[in-house]
């Protein structure tokens, strides 16, 4: 039996997808790339993980636990 690297065992053929770069512009006010098609503009990429919430341990705060929330977005 031949030894084959895991990545080679899982490899698949890639089919290229044509991309029309003429619809992508940089929005200097928002500091992100925007895609505009049919008069509608949307962010080119978005990788938000949504809301976050953190609880501190009771021993860190003599008055009890403390919470902190935030949003992770581009």
C-alpha atoms as a PDB file:
ATOM      1  CA  UNK A   1       0.000   0.000   0.000  1.00  0.00           C
ATOM      2  CA  UNK A   2       1.389   3.375  -1.001  1.00  0.00           C
ATOM      3  CA  UNK A   3       1.483   6.234   1.477  1.00  0.00           C
ATOM      4  CA  UNK A   4      -0.475   9.220   0.138  1.00  0.00           C
ATOM      5  CA  UNK A   5      -0.661  12.586   1.882  1.00  0.00           C
ATOM      6  CA  UNK A   6      -4.091  13.404   3.330  1.00  0.00           C
ATOM      7  CA  UNK A   7      -4.421  16.581   1.210  1.00  0.00           C
ATOM      8  CA  UNK A   8      -3.740  14.590  -1.968  1.00  0.00           C
ATOM      9  CA  UNK A   9      -6.405  12.028  -1.024  1.00  0.00           C
ATOM     10  CA  UNK A  10      -8.977  14.794  -0.566  1.00  0.00           C
ATOM     11  CA  UNK A  11      -8.006  16.858  -3.623  1.00  0.00           C
ATOM     12  CA  UNK A  12     -10.641  17.562  -6.276  1.00  0.00           C
ATOM     13  CA  UNK A  13     -10.491  19.148  -9.705  1.00  0.00           C
ATOM     14  CA  UNK A  14     -11.125  22.876  -9.597  1.00  0.00           C
ATOM     15  CA  UNK A  15     -13.455  24.440 -12.133  1.00  0.00           C
ATOM     16  CA  UNK A  16     -12.555  28.105 -12.707  1.00  0.00           C
ATOM     17  CA  UNK A  17     -15.405  30.584 -12.426  1.00  0.00           C
ATOM     18  CA  UNK A  18     -15.136  33.743 -14.528  1.00  0.00           C
ATOM     19  CA  UNK A  19     -15.283  36.942 -12.479  1.00  0.00           C
ATOM     20  CA  UNK A  20     -16.283  40.309 -13.940  1.00  0.00           C
ATOM     21  CA  UNK A  21     -13.972  42.696 -12.076  1.00  0.00           C
ATOM     22  CA  UNK A  22     -15.562  45.705 -13.768  1.00  0.00           C
ATOM     23  CA  UNK A  23     -18.464  45.559 -11.268  1.00  0.00           C
ATOM     24  CA  UNK A  24     -16.163  45.910  -8.226  1.00  0.00           C
ATOM     25  CA  UNK A  25     -15.273  49.401  -6.974  1.00  0.00           C
ATOM     26  CA  UNK A  26     -13.672  50.673  -3.756  1.00  0.00           C
ATOM     27  CA  UNK A  27     -15.942  52.839  -1.604  1.00  0.00           C
ATOM     28  CA  UNK A  28     -13.585  55.322   0.075  1.00  0.00           C
ATOM     29  CA  UNK A  29     -16.229  56.441   2.611  1.00  0.00           C
ATOM     30  CA  UNK A  30     -16.976  52.912   3.831  1.00  0.00           C
ATOM     31  CA  UNK A  31     -13.392  51.699   3.241  1.00  0.00           C
ATOM     32  CA  UNK A  32     -14.594  48.472   1.580  1.00  0.00           C
ATOM     33  CA  UNK A  33     -14.998  47.067  -1.922  1.00  0.00           C
ATOM     34  CA  UNK A  34     -18.509  47.170  -3.340  1.00  0.00           C
ATOM     35  CA  UNK A  35     -20.127  45.133  -6.138  1.00  0.00           C
ATOM     36  CA  UNK A  36     -22.638  47.054  -8.261  1.00  0.00           C
ATOM     37  CA  UNK A  37     -24.961  45.183 -10.616  1.00  0.00           C
ATOM     38  CA  UNK A  38     -28.263  46.404 -11.989  1.00  0.00           C
ATOM     39  CA  UNK A  39     -27.965  49.623  -9.987  1.00  0.00           C
ATOM     40  CA  UNK A  40     -27.730  47.753  -6.670  1.00  0.00           C
ATOM     41  CA  UNK A  41     -24.523  47.941  -4.596  1.00  0.00           C
ATOM     42  CA  UNK A  42     -23.552  45.395  -1.940  1.00  0.00           C
ATOM     43  CA  UNK A  43     -20.300  44.765  -0.035  1.00  0.00           C
ATOM     44  CA  UNK A  44     -17.970  42.541  -2.073  1.00  0.00           C
ATOM     45  CA  UNK A  45     -17.033  40.441   0.957  1.00  0.00           C
ATOM     46  CA  UNK A  46     -18.405  40.171   4.438  1.00  0.00           C
ATOM     47  CA  UNK A  47     -17.132  37.967   7.194  1.00  0.00           C
ATOM     48  CA  UNK A  48     -19.068  39.013  10.247  1.00  0.00           C
ATOM     49  CA  UNK A  49     -19.398  36.530  13.032  1.00  0.00           C
ATOM     50  CA  UNK A  50     -22.223  38.573  14.563  1.00  0.00           C
ATOM     51  CA  UNK A  51     -22.658  39.454  18.196  1.00  0.00           C
ATOM     52  CA  UNK A  52     -20.173  38.382  20.847  1.00  0.00           C
ATOM     53  CA  UNK A  53     -20.665  38.173  24.583  1.00  0.00           C
ATOM     54  CA  UNK A  54     -18.063  37.618  27.291  1.00  0.00           C
ATOM     55  CA  UNK A  55     -18.635  36.880  30.959  1.00  0.00           C
ATOM     56  CA  UNK A  56     -15.830  37.540  33.419  1.00  0.00           C
ATOM     57  CA  UNK A  57     -15.174  35.118  36.222  1.00  0.00           C
ATOM     58  CA  UNK A  58     -16.634  35.928  39.635  1.00  0.00           C
ATOM     59  CA  UNK A  59     -13.173  35.974  41.200  1.00  0.00           C
ATOM     60  CA  UNK A  60     -12.184  38.843  38.835  1.00  0.00           C
ATOM     61  CA  UNK A  61     -14.912  41.084  40.164  1.00  0.00           C
ATOM     62  CA  UNK A  62     -15.808  41.077  43.837  1.00  0.00           C
ATOM     63  CA  UNK A  63     -19.271  42.380  42.975  1.00  0.00           C
ATOM     64  CA  UNK A  64     -20.168  39.393  40.797  1.00  0.00           C
ATOM     65  CA  UNK A  65     -19.729  38.535  37.156  1.00  0.00           C
ATOM     66  CA  UNK A  66     -19.552  41.220  34.494  1.00  0.00           C
ATOM     67  CA  UNK A  67     -20.656  40.932  30.873  1.00  0.00           C
ATOM     68  CA  UNK A  68     -19.339  42.585  27.731  1.00  0.00           C
ATOM     69  CA  UNK A  69     -20.907  42.443  24.273  1.00  0.00           C
ATOM     70  CA  UNK A  70     -19.716  43.628  20.885  1.00  0.00           C
ATOM     71  CA  UNK A  71     -20.260  43.020  17.162  1.00  0.00           C
ATOM     72  CA  UNK A  72     -17.589  41.721  14.821  1.00  0.00           C
ATOM     73  CA  UNK A  73     -18.039  43.202  11.349  1.00  0.00           C
ATOM     74  CA  UNK A  74     -16.005  44.717   8.561  1.00  0.00           C
END
